[in-house]
Protein backbone atom coordinates (compact mmCIF):
# COMPACT_ATOMS: atom_id res chain seq x y z
CA MET A 1 0.00 0.00 0.00
CA VAL A 2 2.79 2.44 0.90
CA GLU A 3 4.58 1.63 -2.36
CA SER A 4 1.42 2.22 -4.39
CA VAL A 5 0.72 5.55 -2.68
CA THR A 6 4.26 6.88 -2.97
CA ARG A 7 4.39 5.98 -6.65
CA ARG A 8 1.26 7.96 -7.28
CA ILE A 9 2.71 10.89 -5.34
CA PHE A 10 5.92 10.83 -7.37
CA LEU A 11 4.06 10.72 -10.66
CA LYS A 12 2.13 13.80 -9.64
CA CYS A 13 5.36 15.56 -8.64
CA ILE A 14 7.26 14.80 -11.82
CA THR A 15 4.44 15.53 -14.22
CA SER A 16 3.95 18.86 -12.50
CA ILE A 17 7.35 20.15 -13.61
CA PRO A 18 6.79 20.28 -17.39
CA ALA A 19 3.43 21.77 -16.77
CA LEU A 20 4.92 24.45 -14.53
CA LEU A 21 7.73 25.13 -17.03
CA PHE A 22 5.34 26.23 -19.74
CA MET A 23 3.59 28.13 -17.63
CA THR A 24 -6.50 39.67 -18.94
CA GLU A 25 -6.79 42.14 -21.29
CA LYS A 26 -6.48 40.09 -24.46
CA LEU A 27 -6.65 36.40 -25.38
CA TYR A 28 -3.99 34.98 -27.73
CA ALA A 29 -4.58 31.69 -29.56
CA ALA A 30 -1.23 30.00 -30.27
CA THR A 31 -1.67 29.29 -33.97
CA SER A 32 1.14 29.48 -36.49
CA ASN A 33 -0.60 32.15 -38.56
CA SER A 34 -0.48 34.79 -35.81
CA LEU A 35 2.90 34.15 -34.21
CA LEU A 36 5.19 36.30 -36.32
CA GLU A 37 2.84 39.27 -36.13
CA ALA A 38 2.62 38.91 -32.35
CA LEU A 39 6.39 38.81 -32.00
CA ASN A 40 6.63 42.30 -33.48
CA ASN A 41 4.52 43.81 -30.69
CA ASN A 42 5.95 45.44 -27.59
CA SER A 43 6.65 43.09 -24.71
CA ASP A 44 7.79 43.17 -21.13
CA VAL A 45 10.51 40.69 -22.14
CA THR A 46 13.07 41.37 -24.87
CA ASN A 47 14.91 38.48 -26.53
CA THR A 48 18.28 39.31 -28.06
CA ALA A 49 19.03 35.75 -29.25
CA SER A 50 19.06 35.26 -33.02
CA SER A 51 16.81 32.19 -32.68
CA ILE A 52 14.86 30.32 -30.05
CA GLY A 53 17.24 27.37 -30.27
CA ARG A 54 20.30 29.52 -29.62
CA LYS A 55 18.47 31.19 -26.74
CA PHE A 56 18.10 27.96 -24.76
CA ALA A 57 20.87 25.71 -26.13
CA GLY A 58 22.98 24.39 -23.25
CA GLU A 59 20.50 25.37 -20.52
CA GLU A 60 20.22 23.06 -17.52
CA LEU A 61 17.70 23.63 -14.71
CA LYS A 62 17.61 21.49 -11.55
CA TYR A 63 14.64 21.34 -9.16
CA ASN A 64 13.75 19.92 -5.76
CA LEU A 65 10.24 18.51 -5.34
CA SER A 66 8.32 18.52 -2.05
CA PHE A 67 4.85 17.46 -0.88
CA LEU A 68 3.13 17.19 2.47
CA CYS A 69 5.90 16.76 5.06
CA PHE A 70 8.34 15.24 2.56
CA ARG A 71 10.98 17.84 1.65
CA LYS A 72 13.29 17.23 -1.29
CA ALA A 73 11.78 13.77 -1.74
CA ALA A 74 12.51 13.88 -5.46
CA SER A 75 14.55 15.89 -7.94
CA CYS A 76 14.08 16.90 -11.55
CA THR A 77 16.45 18.18 -14.22
CA ALA A 78 15.49 19.96 -17.46
CA THR A 79 18.03 20.26 -20.29
CA PHE A 80 17.93 21.76 -23.78
CA GLN A 81 20.56 20.91 -26.41
CA ALA A 82 21.16 21.12 -30.14
CA THR A 83 21.18 17.92 -32.20
CA PRO A 84 23.51 17.18 -35.13
CA GLN A 85 20.71 18.14 -37.52
CA LYS A 86 20.69 21.87 -38.22
CA GLY A 87 17.77 23.69 -36.65
CA SER A 88 16.78 20.67 -34.57
CA TYR A 89 16.89 20.47 -30.77
CA GLU A 90 16.16 18.05 -27.98
CA ALA A 91 14.83 18.89 -24.54
CA THR A 92 14.69 16.39 -21.70
CA ILE A 93 12.99 16.53 -18.31
CA SER A 94 14.14 13.73 -16.02
CA GLY A 95 13.00 13.10 -12.47
CA GLN A 96 13.80 10.54 -9.79
CA THR A 97 12.83 9.82 -6.20
CA HIS A 98 15.41 9.73 -3.39
CA GLY A 99 15.91 8.40 0.13
CA LEU A 100 13.11 6.48 1.80
CA ILE A 101 10.62 7.57 -0.86
CA GLY A 102 13.10 6.29 -3.45
CA LEU A 103 13.28 2.91 -1.74
CA ALA A 104 9.50 2.68 -1.57
CA THR A 105 9.18 3.47 -5.31
CA ARG A 106 12.20 1.43 -6.41
CA PHE A 107 13.85 4.74 -7.33
CA ARG A 108 11.32 5.47 -10.02
CA ARG A 109 12.39 7.63 -12.93
CA ASP A 110 10.10 9.64 -15.22
CA ILE A 111 11.65 11.02 -18.40
CA LEU A 112 10.03 13.36 -20.92
CA THR A 113 11.94 13.95 -24.15
CA SER A 114 10.90 16.31 -26.92
CA ARG A 115 12.66 16.51 -30.28
CA MET A 116 11.71 19.68 -32.13
CA GLU A 117 12.67 21.94 -35.00
CA GLU A 118 12.85 25.68 -35.55
CA VAL A 119 10.29 27.25 -37.87
CA ASP A 120 9.25 30.81 -38.70
CA GLY A 121 12.86 31.87 -39.20
CA GLY A 122 13.93 30.52 -35.81
CA LYS A 123 11.18 32.30 -33.87
CA ARG A 124 9.24 29.18 -32.92
CA LEU A 125 9.73 25.49 -32.16
CA ARG A 126 7.35 22.80 -33.35
CA PRO A 127 7.47 19.22 -32.06
CA LEU A 128 8.70 16.30 -34.13
CA GLU A 129 8.58 13.61 -31.45
CA PHE A 130 7.50 13.57 -27.82
CA ARG A 131 8.50 10.60 -25.68
CA GLU A 132 7.35 9.65 -22.19
CA ASP A 133 9.31 6.96 -20.32
CA VAL A 134 8.57 5.56 -16.87
CA ILE A 135 11.18 3.27 -15.29
CA ILE A 136 10.35 1.43 -12.05
CA GLY A 137 13.05 -0.99 -11.00
CA HIS A 138 13.59 -3.26 -14.01
CA ARG A 139 10.23 -2.43 -15.58
CA GLN A 140 9.67 0.24 -18.20
CA ARG A 141 6.71 1.65 -20.08
CA LYS A 142 6.73 4.29 -22.77
CA LYS A 143 4.57 6.44 -24.96
CA ILE A 144 5.82 8.09 -28.16
CA THR A 145 3.94 10.78 -30.07
CA ARG A 146 5.26 11.52 -33.56
CA PHE A 147 4.22 14.54 -35.61
CA ASP A 148 4.17 14.06 -39.41
CA TYR A 149 3.75 17.41 -41.13
CA ILE A 150 4.03 15.92 -44.63
CA ASN A 151 1.24 13.39 -44.28
CA HIS A 152 -0.65 15.57 -41.79
CA GLU A 153 -1.04 12.99 -39.06
CA ILE A 154 0.03 12.24 -35.49
CA THR A 155 0.99 8.70 -34.51
CA ILE A 156 0.77 7.72 -30.83
CA THR A 157 2.51 4.49 -29.78
CA ARG A 158 2.23 2.98 -26.30
CA GLU A 159 4.27 0.08 -24.96
CA LYS A 160 3.68 -1.60 -21.61
CA ARG A 161 4.81 -5.05 -20.50
CA GLY A 162 5.72 -5.96 -24.07
CA VAL A 163 2.32 -5.01 -25.49
CA VAL A 164 2.38 -2.32 -28.17
CA LYS A 165 -0.69 -0.25 -29.09
CA GLN A 166 -0.79 2.39 -31.79
CA LYS A 167 -3.28 4.91 -33.11
CA THR A 168 -3.21 7.74 -35.64
CA ILE A 169 -5.08 11.02 -35.51
CA PRO A 170 -5.26 13.76 -38.15
CA LEU A 171 -3.05 16.84 -38.01
CA PRO A 172 -4.74 19.67 -39.95
CA GLU A 173 -2.55 21.23 -42.62
CA GLY A 174 -0.74 24.31 -41.33
CA GLU A 175 -1.64 23.51 -37.71
CA THR A 176 0.66 22.76 -34.77
CA TYR A 177 -0.26 20.79 -31.66
CA TYR A 178 2.26 21.34 -28.87
CA ASP A 179 3.54 18.87 -26.33
CA PRO A 180 4.09 20.44 -22.89
CA VAL A 181 7.89 20.57 -23.18
CA THR A 182 7.96 22.30 -26.58
CA ALA A 183 5.20 24.63 -25.40
CA SER A 184 7.22 25.67 -22.35
CA TYR A 185 10.18 26.93 -24.37
CA ASN A 186 7.96 28.69 -26.89
CA PHE A 187 6.13 30.46 -24.09
CA ARG A 188 9.38 31.58 -22.44
CA PHE A 189 10.74 32.91 -25.75
CA GLY A 190 7.54 34.81 -26.51
CA SER A 191 6.64 32.72 -29.56
CA PHE A 192 2.99 32.67 -28.56
CA GLY A 193 2.88 36.43 -28.28
CA PRO A 194 4.35 39.15 -26.05
CA ILE A 195 4.65 38.28 -22.35
CA ILE A 196 2.70 41.13 -20.81
CA LYS A 197 1.30 41.18 -17.30
CA GLY A 198 -2.44 40.63 -17.34
CA ARG A 199 -2.45 38.74 -20.65
CA GLN A 200 -3.97 35.33 -21.29
CA PHE A 201 -2.91 32.65 -23.81
CA LEU A 202 -4.51 29.58 -25.37
CA ILE A 203 -2.06 26.94 -26.60
CA LYS A 204 -3.28 24.07 -28.75
CA THR A 205 -2.24 20.60 -27.62
CA VAL A 206 -2.85 17.08 -28.91
CA PRO A 207 -6.63 16.66 -28.53
CA LYS A 208 -7.77 14.38 -25.72
CA ARG A 209 -11.48 13.94 -25.18
CA ASP A 210 -12.79 17.45 -24.47
CA PHE A 211 -9.37 18.95 -23.71
CA THR A 212 -7.70 20.78 -26.61
CA TYR A 213 -6.04 23.89 -25.10
CA ILE A 214 -3.63 24.80 -22.35
CA ARG A 215 -4.67 28.10 -20.81
CA LEU A 216 -2.01 30.42 -19.36
CA THR A 217 -2.59 33.73 -17.58
CA VAL A 218 0.19 36.13 -16.64
CA ALA A 219 -0.85 37.85 -13.42
CA SER A 220 -1.19 41.61 -13.36
CA GLU A 221 1.39 43.69 -11.54
CA GLU A 222 -1.02 44.18 -8.67
CA GLU A 223 -1.67 40.43 -8.35
CA ALA A 224 2.06 39.67 -8.46
CA ARG A 225 2.75 42.30 -5.79
CA LYS A 226 0.20 40.70 -3.47
CA LYS A 227 1.72 37.27 -4.04
CA ARG A 228 5.16 38.61 -3.14
CA GLU A 229 3.83 40.10 0.08
CA SER A 230 1.82 37.05 1.12
CA ARG A 231 4.58 34.56 0.35
CA ASP A 232 7.64 36.67 1.10
CA SER A 233 8.96 36.13 -2.43
CA SER A 234 12.39 37.38 -3.44
CA ASN A 235 12.92 40.19 -5.91
CA LYS A 236 14.03 37.62 -8.49
CA LYS A 237 10.41 36.58 -8.94
CA ALA A 238 9.05 38.87 -11.61
CA TYR A 239 6.11 37.08 -13.29
CA PHE A 240 3.43 35.04 -11.60
CA VAL A 241 1.66 32.68 -14.03
CA TYR A 242 -1.54 30.69 -13.64
CA ALA A 243 -2.12 27.60 -15.78
CA GLU A 244 -5.05 25.32 -16.50
CA ILE A 245 -4.16 21.98 -18.05
CA ASP A 246 -5.65 18.54 -18.50
CA LYS A 247 -6.32 17.56 -14.90
CA ASP A 248 -5.54 13.90 -15.62
CA ILE A 249 -1.90 14.76 -16.28
CA VAL A 250 -1.29 15.85 -12.69
CA ARG A 251 -4.15 13.96 -11.03
CA SER A 252 -5.64 17.23 -9.84
CA THR A 253 -9.31 17.84 -9.23
CA SER A 254 -9.00 21.28 -10.81
CA GLY A 255 -6.09 21.00 -13.26
CA LYS A 256 -4.79 24.33 -11.92
CA LEU A 257 -1.14 25.26 -11.50
CA GLU A 258 0.72 28.43 -10.66
CA GLY A 259 4.31 29.54 -10.44
CA TRP A 260 6.97 32.24 -10.47
CA PHE A 261 9.25 33.19 -13.36
CA SER A 262 12.29 35.45 -13.27
CA SER A 263 12.50 38.68 -15.26
CA ASP A 264 13.99 36.72 -18.17
CA LEU A 265 11.37 33.97 -17.79
CA VAL A 266 13.36 31.26 -16.07
CA PRO A 267 10.86 29.09 -14.11
CA LEU A 268 11.82 29.48 -10.45
CA GLU A 269 9.03 27.84 -8.48
CA GLY A 270 5.79 26.06 -9.27
CA ARG A 271 2.80 24.65 -7.44
CA VAL A 272 0.24 22.05 -8.55
CA LYS A 273 -3.09 22.76 -6.90
CA ASP A 274 -5.63 20.32 -5.52
CA VAL A 275 -3.82 17.04 -6.13
CA VAL A 276 -6.11 14.18 -5.10
CA TRP A 277 -5.34 13.02 -1.53
CA PHE A 278 -2.20 15.15 -1.20
CA GLY A 279 -3.11 18.81 -1.68
CA ASP A 280 -0.46 21.02 -3.29
CA ILE A 281 2.90 19.87 -4.67
CA VAL A 282 5.82 22.33 -4.97
CA GLY A 283 8.89 22.37 -7.20
CA LYS A 284 11.72 24.86 -6.56
CA LEU A 285 14.73 25.71 -8.69
CA LYS A 286 17.96 24.82 -6.91
CA GLU A 287 20.53 25.22 -9.69
CA GLN A 288 20.88 26.78 -13.14
CA ASN A 289 23.80 25.82 -15.40
CA THR A 290 25.07 26.15 -18.95
CA LEU A 291 26.19 22.85 -20.45
């Protein structure tokens, strides 16, 4: 029973990180037709990098994860690197439990890997392949989502205990559906539109039942100021972002998340709200490196 519970806790912790990484005057729909125009507008954040890939290449972010009375029960690392193919990049988010929680979960590892390519003259990333791996002891299960922009289809392959299942869904011509990892870097770069306090975004994702959009809201200056006062936040925390995602991803009754970003949109701290049985789960940045 303890093993089953702690595994569920860890899954909630790890899946919260990518969601928090991509974390109301105007609503922006993240479609490819409007991105370049939006990038020309004024923004609170100015990017000097010549392309989105060069902006993040070599970035490594390390987080501690906590829940209930368990502090630093797990860790998570996010990396972004160029691949040998020009204009192509790979981002990986890898998490693992530690200590007693690690023993109870057989040191479970959750790994999200997104392979993506630059489009729109290097101003945006679109996904080519999104892979989800779960490793528990000697067992492994995986899910791979491949995006075929030539044949306009998405292929989803699942493998568990040697059983492989596959399905294909249509990808409308000229459309992009974002996985959470690719979406996070696009959001931070401003590819979905200027990052302005008080603005709200809709980001299309691979359709699942009645869920088709990730909703992000950048808090107003007044809201952010109140959050700083109530939580004694440091001056490094510049943007407070609310997110609404598929609640099944984080096993939350509301699907709501929130977190702080620095002035240059590095995710510093995130919180998953209303996780079933366990309340809120928090991830905090402990280290930022250049590889």
